[in-house]
Amino acid sequence: MGVRTEPPSPQDKPAITEEEALEKAMAFYGGQPPGNTDQITISFVLFSNDEAETIDSQGKHLLYQNVPAYIVSFHGAYPPTSYGSRLYKGPPVYSTELNVVINAMTGEFMEEYSWR
């Protein structure tokens, strides 16, 4: 998996609050927590994804490297993790949390992922 997080340094100050990050994360689900969410946690981190990239005439460029971000975790949301995969032929397998990454400087959605 390409997602990595590191603790922010004292100089890394978010431009938006945790409450704003939660509001922005829930906006992707109609303003409510997704699925059967039973707990929400929010972490301020330096976020990297070594698999998220863009390609232009000068080659590949990683999109997210040490970006100050909030990870909003919806525990109990149970998103499917392997449903629809061409390689997986069994019934859907579910994770137990959904993570939404919000840029802590701009408030923009970066990505969502699930891995537990």
Protein backbone atom coordinates (compact mmCIF):
# COMPACT_ATOMS: atom_id res chain seq x y z
CA MET A 1 0.00 0.00 0.00
CA GLY A 2 1.31 3.42 -0.83
CA VAL A 3 -0.25 5.40 2.03
CA ARG A 4 2.17 6.67 4.67
CA THR A 5 1.73 9.15 7.48
CA GLU A 6 4.18 10.93 9.72
CA PRO A 7 3.67 13.19 12.71
CA PRO A 8 3.64 16.87 11.77
CA SER A 9 6.41 19.13 12.99
CA PRO A 10 5.63 22.07 15.30
CA GLN A 11 5.87 24.36 12.25
CA ASP A 12 3.06 22.50 10.46
CA LYS A 13 -0.05 24.48 11.37
CA PRO A 14 -3.35 23.58 9.69
CA ALA A 15 -5.29 26.36 7.98
CA ILE A 16 -8.64 24.65 8.67
CA THR A 17 -10.00 23.18 11.90
CA GLU A 18 -10.84 19.55 12.67
CA GLU A 19 -14.51 20.51 12.59
CA GLU A 20 -14.15 21.95 9.08
CA ALA A 21 -12.31 18.80 7.95
CA LEU A 22 -15.12 16.63 9.33
CA GLU A 23 -17.73 18.76 7.57
CA LYS A 24 -15.84 18.49 4.27
CA ALA A 25 -15.38 14.72 4.65
CA MET A 26 -19.07 14.17 5.41
CA ALA A 27 -20.07 16.33 2.43
CA PHE A 28 -19.07 13.40 0.19
CA TYR A 29 -21.76 11.31 1.89
CA GLY A 30 -24.65 13.75 1.79
CA GLY A 31 -23.60 15.56 4.97
CA GLN A 32 -23.92 12.47 7.16
CA PRO A 33 -21.42 9.85 8.30
CA PRO A 34 -21.33 6.97 5.79
CA GLY A 35 -22.84 3.54 6.41
CA ASN A 36 -23.13 2.32 9.96
CA THR A 37 -20.45 4.62 11.40
CA ASP A 38 -20.27 4.19 15.16
CA GLN A 39 -17.18 6.34 15.86
CA ILE A 40 -15.30 9.14 14.11
CA THR A 41 -11.65 9.98 14.73
CA ILE A 42 -9.65 12.81 13.17
CA SER A 43 -5.86 12.88 12.92
CA PHE A 44 -3.60 15.72 11.76
CA VAL A 45 -0.64 14.19 9.90
CA LEU A 46 1.81 14.63 7.07
CA PHE A 47 0.22 12.47 4.39
CA SER A 48 1.98 10.68 1.52
CA ASN A 49 0.73 8.21 -1.06
CA ASP A 50 3.51 6.63 -3.09
CA GLU A 51 1.04 5.17 -5.59
CA ALA A 52 -0.98 8.32 -6.42
CA GLU A 53 0.67 9.88 -9.41
CA THR A 54 0.12 11.94 -12.49
CA ILE A 55 1.95 11.64 -15.79
CA ASP A 56 2.87 14.48 -18.10
CA SER A 57 5.43 15.07 -20.85
CA GLN A 58 8.23 15.13 -18.27
CA GLY A 59 7.31 11.82 -16.67
CA LYS A 60 5.57 10.59 -13.54
CA HIS A 61 5.02 12.83 -10.54
CA LEU A 62 3.77 11.73 -7.13
CA LEU A 63 0.71 13.74 -6.10
CA TYR A 64 0.95 13.59 -2.32
CA GLN A 65 4.23 13.72 -0.44
CA ASN A 66 4.28 15.03 3.14
CA VAL A 67 1.13 17.10 2.69
CA PRO A 68 -0.36 18.47 5.93
CA ALA A 69 -3.71 16.72 6.08
CA TYR A 70 -6.52 15.55 8.28
CA ILE A 71 -7.49 11.89 8.08
CA VAL A 72 -11.14 11.59 9.03
CA SER A 73 -11.81 7.94 9.94
CA PHE A 74 -15.36 6.62 9.95
CA HIS A 75 -15.22 3.46 12.09
CA GLY A 76 -17.93 0.87 11.47
CA ALA A 77 -18.75 2.18 7.97
CA TYR A 78 -17.98 -1.25 6.43
CA PRO A 79 -17.07 -0.29 2.85
CA PRO A 80 -16.44 -3.23 0.50
CA THR A 81 -12.72 -3.72 -0.18
CA SER A 82 -12.63 -6.32 -2.92
CA TYR A 83 -16.09 -6.16 -4.43
CA GLY A 84 -15.95 -5.69 -8.18
CA SER A 85 -12.30 -6.61 -8.58
CA ARG A 86 -11.58 -8.53 -11.77
CA LEU A 87 -9.27 -10.85 -9.85
CA TYR A 88 -11.50 -11.51 -6.85
CA LYS A 89 -14.34 -13.96 -7.52
CA GLY A 90 -15.81 -14.46 -4.02
CA PRO A 91 -18.42 -12.54 -2.06
CA PRO A 92 -17.67 -8.95 -1.03
CA VAL A 93 -15.08 -8.55 1.73
CA TYR A 94 -15.65 -5.59 4.01
CA SER A 95 -13.29 -3.30 5.90
CA THR A 96 -14.27 -1.81 9.23
CA GLU A 97 -13.37 1.82 8.56
CA LEU A 98 -13.36 4.37 5.80
CA ASN A 99 -10.67 7.08 5.80
CA VAL A 100 -11.14 10.42 4.04
CA VAL A 101 -8.08 12.62 3.55
CA ILE A 102 -8.63 16.38 3.57
CA ASN A 103 -5.82 18.83 2.78
CA ALA A 104 -5.31 20.78 6.03
CA MET A 105 -4.05 23.85 4.17
CA THR A 106 -6.68 24.19 1.43
CA GLY A 107 -9.61 22.12 2.72
CA GLU A 108 -9.67 20.13 -0.52
CA PHE A 109 -10.53 16.44 -0.70
CA MET A 110 -7.40 14.42 -1.50
CA GLU A 111 -8.55 10.79 -1.46
CA GLU A 112 -10.37 8.11 0.46
CA TYR A 113 -9.12 4.66 1.37
CA SER A 114 -9.97 1.70 3.53
CA TRP A 115 -7.59 -0.91 4.85
CA ARG A 116 -8.81 -2.40 8.15
